[in-house]
Amino acid sequence: MTSLFTPINIAPYITHTGYDKHRANKVITNHHADTISFDVPFIANPDLIQRFELNVELNQADQIGRASCRERV
């Protein structure tokens, strides 16, 4: 999906949701996005960058503390 927008986009393209280290690197390497935003993985792993660098397993996010927009309405 990101590759559809990249050719016409003049501003940096940021994508997020559902990325792991491998998939994010592939998207960046293939120039399908300029940067990746790690939302939930970063919340569960404040040391996310170091974990990626060391290839350390990531903590899983606490699902109980997360709420969708529909749940808040």
C-alpha atoms as a PDB file:
ATOM      1  CA  MET A   1       0.000   0.000   0.000  1.00  0.00           C
ATOM      2  CA  THR A   2       2.745   2.469   0.854  1.00  0.00           C
ATOM      3  CA  SER A   3       4.305   2.072  -2.592  1.00  0.00           C
ATOM      4  CA  LEU A   4       1.175   3.586  -4.150  1.00  0.00           C
ATOM      5  CA  PHE A   5       1.740   6.914  -2.407  1.00  0.00           C
ATOM      6  CA  THR A   6       5.519   7.221  -2.538  1.00  0.00           C
ATOM      7  CA  PRO A   7       5.876   8.288  -6.213  1.00  0.00           C
ATOM      8  CA  ILE A   8       3.476  11.246  -5.831  1.00  0.00           C
ATOM      9  CA  ASN A   9       4.442  12.290  -2.330  1.00  0.00           C
ATOM     10  CA  ILE A  10       6.832  15.235  -1.998  1.00  0.00           C
ATOM     11  CA  ALA A  11       6.836  15.284   1.821  1.00  0.00           C
ATOM     12  CA  PRO A  12       8.430  12.579   3.968  1.00  0.00           C
ATOM     13  CA  TYR A  13       6.163   9.543   4.121  1.00  0.00           C
ATOM     14  CA  ILE A  14       5.716   7.994   7.584  1.00  0.00           C
ATOM     15  CA  THR A  15       3.921   4.698   8.044  1.00  0.00           C
ATOM     16  CA  HIS A  16       3.048   2.699  11.141  1.00  0.00           C
ATOM     17  CA  THR A  17       1.114  -0.219  12.660  1.00  0.00           C
ATOM     18  CA  GLY A  18       2.044  -3.848  12.363  1.00  0.00           C
ATOM     19  CA  TYR A  19       5.755  -3.463  11.687  1.00  0.00           C
ATOM     20  CA  ASP A  20       8.515  -5.551  13.163  1.00  0.00           C
ATOM     21  CA  LYS A  21      12.219  -4.904  12.637  1.00  0.00           C
ATOM     22  CA  HIS A  22      12.482  -7.080   9.523  1.00  0.00           C
ATOM     23  CA  ARG A  23       9.413  -5.662   7.777  1.00  0.00           C
ATOM     24  CA  ALA A  24      10.320  -2.064   8.651  1.00  0.00           C
ATOM     25  CA  ASN A  25      13.833  -2.481   7.249  1.00  0.00           C
ATOM     26  CA  LYS A  26      12.405  -3.968   4.051  1.00  0.00           C
ATOM     27  CA  VAL A  27      10.007  -1.039   3.568  1.00  0.00           C
ATOM     28  CA  ILE A  28      12.785   1.511   4.116  1.00  0.00           C
ATOM     29  CA  THR A  29      15.274  -0.361   1.906  1.00  0.00           C
ATOM     30  CA  ASN A  30      12.725  -0.562  -0.927  1.00  0.00           C
ATOM     31  CA  HIS A  31      11.964   3.182  -0.565  1.00  0.00           C
ATOM     32  CA  HIS A  32       8.271   2.565   0.144  1.00  0.00           C
ATOM     33  CA  ALA A  33       8.415   4.951   3.108  1.00  0.00           C
ATOM     34  CA  ASP A  34      10.840   7.435   4.584  1.00  0.00           C
ATOM     35  CA  THR A  35      10.386   6.353   8.176  1.00  0.00           C
ATOM     36  CA  ILE A  36       8.439   3.891  10.319  1.00  0.00           C
ATOM     37  CA  SER A  37       6.589   4.818  13.490  1.00  0.00           C
ATOM     38  CA  PHE A  38       6.534   2.119  16.155  1.00  0.00           C
ATOM     39  CA  ASP A  39       3.630   2.987  18.419  1.00  0.00           C
ATOM     40  CA  VAL A  40       2.601  -0.005  20.562  1.00  0.00           C
ATOM     41  CA  PRO A  41       5.981  -1.793  20.383  1.00  0.00           C
ATOM     42  CA  PHE A  42       7.679   1.379  21.627  1.00  0.00           C
ATOM     43  CA  ILE A  43       5.239   1.770  24.518  1.00  0.00           C
ATOM     44  CA  ALA A  44       5.931  -1.822  25.596  1.00  0.00           C
ATOM     45  CA  ASN A  45       9.670  -1.417  24.941  1.00  0.00           C
ATOM     46  CA  PRO A  46      11.013   2.051  25.798  1.00  0.00           C
ATOM     47  CA  ASP A  47      14.441   0.646  24.865  1.00  0.00           C
ATOM     48  CA  LEU A  48      13.171  -0.447  21.438  1.00  0.00           C
ATOM     49  CA  ILE A  49      16.150   0.900  19.509  1.00  0.00           C
ATOM     50  CA  GLN A  50      18.617  -0.997  21.702  1.00  0.00           C
ATOM     51  CA  ARG A  51      16.510  -4.167  21.448  1.00  0.00           C
ATOM     52  CA  PHE A  52      16.572  -3.883  17.649  1.00  0.00           C
ATOM     53  CA  GLU A  53      20.319  -3.292  17.639  1.00  0.00           C
ATOM     54  CA  LEU A  54      20.960  -6.313  19.892  1.00  0.00           C
ATOM     55  CA  ASN A  55      18.283  -8.515  18.261  1.00  0.00           C
ATOM     56  CA  VAL A  56      16.628  -8.985  21.655  1.00  0.00           C
ATOM     57  CA  GLU A  57      13.066 -10.286  21.940  1.00  0.00           C
ATOM     58  CA  LEU A  58      10.452  -7.560  22.445  1.00  0.00           C
ATOM     59  CA  ASN A  59       8.066  -7.307  25.363  1.00  0.00           C
ATOM     60  CA  GLN A  60       4.410  -7.714  24.429  1.00  0.00           C
ATOM     61  CA  ALA A  61       2.057  -4.796  25.041  1.00  0.00           C
ATOM     62  CA  ASP A  62      -0.486  -5.058  27.823  1.00  0.00           C
ATOM     63  CA  GLN A  63      -3.810  -5.392  25.983  1.00  0.00           C
ATOM     64  CA  ILE A  64      -5.848  -4.468  29.052  1.00  0.00           C
ATOM     65  CA  GLY A  65      -4.446  -0.933  29.161  1.00  0.00           C
ATOM     66  CA  ARG A  66      -5.244  -0.231  25.506  1.00  0.00           C
ATOM     67  CA  ALA A  67      -8.583   1.147  24.385  1.00  0.00           C
ATOM     68  CA  SER A  68      -9.892   1.774  20.912  1.00  0.00           C
ATOM     69  CA  CYS A  69     -11.740   4.934  19.922  1.00  0.00           C
ATOM     70  CA  ARG A  70     -15.015   3.007  19.890  1.00  0.00           C
ATOM     71  CA  GLU A  71     -14.500   1.913  23.498  1.00  0.00           C
ATOM     72  CA  ARG A  72     -13.996   5.515  24.636  1.00  0.00           C
ATOM     73  CA  VAL A  73     -17.203   6.854  23.065  1.00  0.00           C
END
